[in-house]
């Protein structure tokens, strides 16, 4: 029974962390990004990896979740599986 209480506490804590970000509408603009990409050379474009269309988004999000969990919740990366 005690372990279920601990699980519930961890879930509640996690929900508290993401609540601010999850319930608000977010509006992003990429005009500065597009302006930057139009001004840099092809060599700089390859060097700084500005083409996000070719990103592996699934891998990126897995690492993002791991890092967020580790830094915000205090849980080690090895304590869960994605």
C-alpha atoms as a PDB file:
ATOM      1  CA  UNK A   1       0.000   0.000   0.000  1.00  0.00           C
ATOM      2  CA  UNK A   2       2.811   2.391   0.859  1.00  0.00           C
ATOM      3  CA  UNK A   3       4.308   2.013  -2.621  1.00  0.00           C
ATOM      4  CA  UNK A   4       0.987   3.021  -4.216  1.00  0.00           C
ATOM      5  CA  UNK A   5       0.934   6.168  -2.100  1.00  0.00           C
ATOM      6  CA  UNK A   6       4.455   6.962  -3.297  1.00  0.00           C
ATOM      7  CA  UNK A   7       3.417   6.426  -6.907  1.00  0.00           C
ATOM      8  CA  UNK A   8       0.453   8.758  -6.435  1.00  0.00           C
ATOM      9  CA  UNK A   9       2.703  11.418  -4.894  1.00  0.00           C
ATOM     10  CA  UNK A  10       5.096  11.178  -7.839  1.00  0.00           C
ATOM     11  CA  UNK A  11       2.249  11.421 -10.353  1.00  0.00           C
ATOM     12  CA  UNK A  12       0.797  14.445  -8.558  1.00  0.00           C
ATOM     13  CA  UNK A  13       4.208  16.097  -8.446  1.00  0.00           C
ATOM     14  CA  UNK A  14       4.750  15.471 -12.151  1.00  0.00           C
ATOM     15  CA  UNK A  15       1.345  16.857 -13.061  1.00  0.00           C
ATOM     16  CA  UNK A  16       2.055  19.959 -11.015  1.00  0.00           C
ATOM     17  CA  UNK A  17       5.235  20.547 -12.983  1.00  0.00           C
ATOM     18  CA  UNK A  18       3.609  20.278 -16.402  1.00  0.00           C
ATOM     19  CA  UNK A  19       0.258  21.887 -15.543  1.00  0.00           C
ATOM     20  CA  UNK A  20       1.435  25.431 -16.293  1.00  0.00           C
ATOM     21  CA  UNK A  21       2.659  24.441 -19.738  1.00  0.00           C
ATOM     22  CA  UNK A  22      -0.108  22.007 -20.615  1.00  0.00           C
ATOM     23  CA  UNK A  23      -3.177  24.172 -19.970  1.00  0.00           C
ATOM     24  CA  UNK A  24      -2.106  27.428 -21.620  1.00  0.00           C
ATOM     25  CA  UNK A  25      -2.390  28.259 -25.298  1.00  0.00           C
ATOM     26  CA  UNK A  26       1.007  28.876 -26.865  1.00  0.00           C
ATOM     27  CA  UNK A  27       1.666  30.884 -30.004  1.00  0.00           C
ATOM     28  CA  UNK A  28       5.086  30.786 -31.626  1.00  0.00           C
ATOM     29  CA  UNK A  29       6.531  32.759 -34.505  1.00  0.00           C
ATOM     30  CA  UNK A  30       9.439  31.625 -36.651  1.00  0.00           C
ATOM     31  CA  UNK A  31       9.991  34.844 -38.605  1.00  0.00           C
ATOM     32  CA  UNK A  32      13.433  35.489 -37.089  1.00  0.00           C
ATOM     33  CA  UNK A  33      14.476  31.905 -37.778  1.00  0.00           C
ATOM     34  CA  UNK A  34      13.404  32.213 -41.409  1.00  0.00           C
ATOM     35  CA  UNK A  35      15.216  35.548 -41.743  1.00  0.00           C
ATOM     36  CA  UNK A  36      18.388  34.044 -40.288  1.00  0.00           C
ATOM     37  CA  UNK A  37      18.267  31.042 -42.618  1.00  0.00           C
ATOM     38  CA  UNK A  38      17.912  33.331 -45.618  1.00  0.00           C
ATOM     39  CA  UNK A  39      21.032  35.309 -44.618  1.00  0.00           C
ATOM     40  CA  UNK A  40      23.572  32.582 -43.854  1.00  0.00           C
ATOM     41  CA  UNK A  41      25.762  30.751 -46.323  1.00  0.00           C
ATOM     42  CA  UNK A  42      25.329  27.089 -47.245  1.00  0.00           C
ATOM     43  CA  UNK A  43      28.487  26.242 -45.270  1.00  0.00           C
ATOM     44  CA  UNK A  44      27.110  27.962 -42.157  1.00  0.00           C
ATOM     45  CA  UNK A  45      23.774  26.248 -42.682  1.00  0.00           C
ATOM     46  CA  UNK A  46      25.470  22.840 -42.601  1.00  0.00           C
ATOM     47  CA  UNK A  47      27.823  23.800 -39.749  1.00  0.00           C
ATOM     48  CA  UNK A  48      25.069  25.053 -37.435  1.00  0.00           C
ATOM     49  CA  UNK A  49      22.440  22.498 -38.523  1.00  0.00           C
ATOM     50  CA  UNK A  50      19.608  24.945 -39.141  1.00  0.00           C
ATOM     51  CA  UNK A  51      17.460  22.663 -41.318  1.00  0.00           C
ATOM     52  CA  UNK A  52      15.025  21.253 -38.764  1.00  0.00           C
ATOM     53  CA  UNK A  53      13.059  19.374 -41.417  1.00  0.00           C
ATOM     54  CA  UNK A  54      15.698  16.642 -41.403  1.00  0.00           C
ATOM     55  CA  UNK A  55      15.742  16.229 -37.610  1.00  0.00           C
ATOM     56  CA  UNK A  56      14.852  12.910 -36.019  1.00  0.00           C
ATOM     57  CA  UNK A  57      11.992  14.313 -33.940  1.00  0.00           C
ATOM     58  CA  UNK A  58      11.177  11.052 -32.174  1.00  0.00           C
ATOM     59  CA  UNK A  59      14.733  10.752 -30.868  1.00  0.00           C
ATOM     60  CA  UNK A  60      14.786  14.454 -29.979  1.00  0.00           C
ATOM     61  CA  UNK A  61      11.578  14.191 -27.948  1.00  0.00           C
ATOM     62  CA  UNK A  62      12.811  11.099 -26.091  1.00  0.00           C
ATOM     63  CA  UNK A  63      15.945  12.971 -25.029  1.00  0.00           C
ATOM     64  CA  UNK A  64      13.872  16.044 -24.173  1.00  0.00           C
ATOM     65  CA  UNK A  65      11.605  14.028 -21.871  1.00  0.00           C
ATOM     66  CA  UNK A  66      14.581  12.341 -20.221  1.00  0.00           C
ATOM     67  CA  UNK A  67      16.325  15.640 -19.597  1.00  0.00           C
ATOM     68  CA  UNK A  68      13.157  17.319 -18.328  1.00  0.00           C
ATOM     69  CA  UNK A  69      12.430  14.489 -15.952  1.00  0.00           C
ATOM     70  CA  UNK A  70      15.978  14.448 -14.650  1.00  0.00           C
ATOM     71  CA  UNK A  71      16.308  18.206 -14.142  1.00  0.00           C
ATOM     72  CA  UNK A  72      12.786  19.071 -12.980  1.00  0.00           C
ATOM     73  CA  UNK A  73      11.676  16.008 -11.064  1.00  0.00           C
ATOM     74  CA  UNK A  74      14.967  14.821  -9.621  1.00  0.00           C
ATOM     75  CA  UNK A  75      14.640  11.327 -11.082  1.00  0.00           C
ATOM     76  CA  UNK A  76      17.575   9.660 -12.744  1.00  0.00           C
ATOM     77  CA  UNK A  77      17.386   8.768 -16.403  1.00  0.00           C
ATOM     78  CA  UNK A  78      17.705   5.074 -15.607  1.00  0.00           C
ATOM     79  CA  UNK A  79      14.536   4.967 -13.468  1.00  0.00           C
ATOM     80  CA  UNK A  80      12.111   4.747 -16.380  1.00  0.00           C
ATOM     81  CA  UNK A  81      11.694   3.537 -19.917  1.00  0.00           C
ATOM     82  CA  UNK A  82      10.434   5.590 -22.859  1.00  0.00           C
END
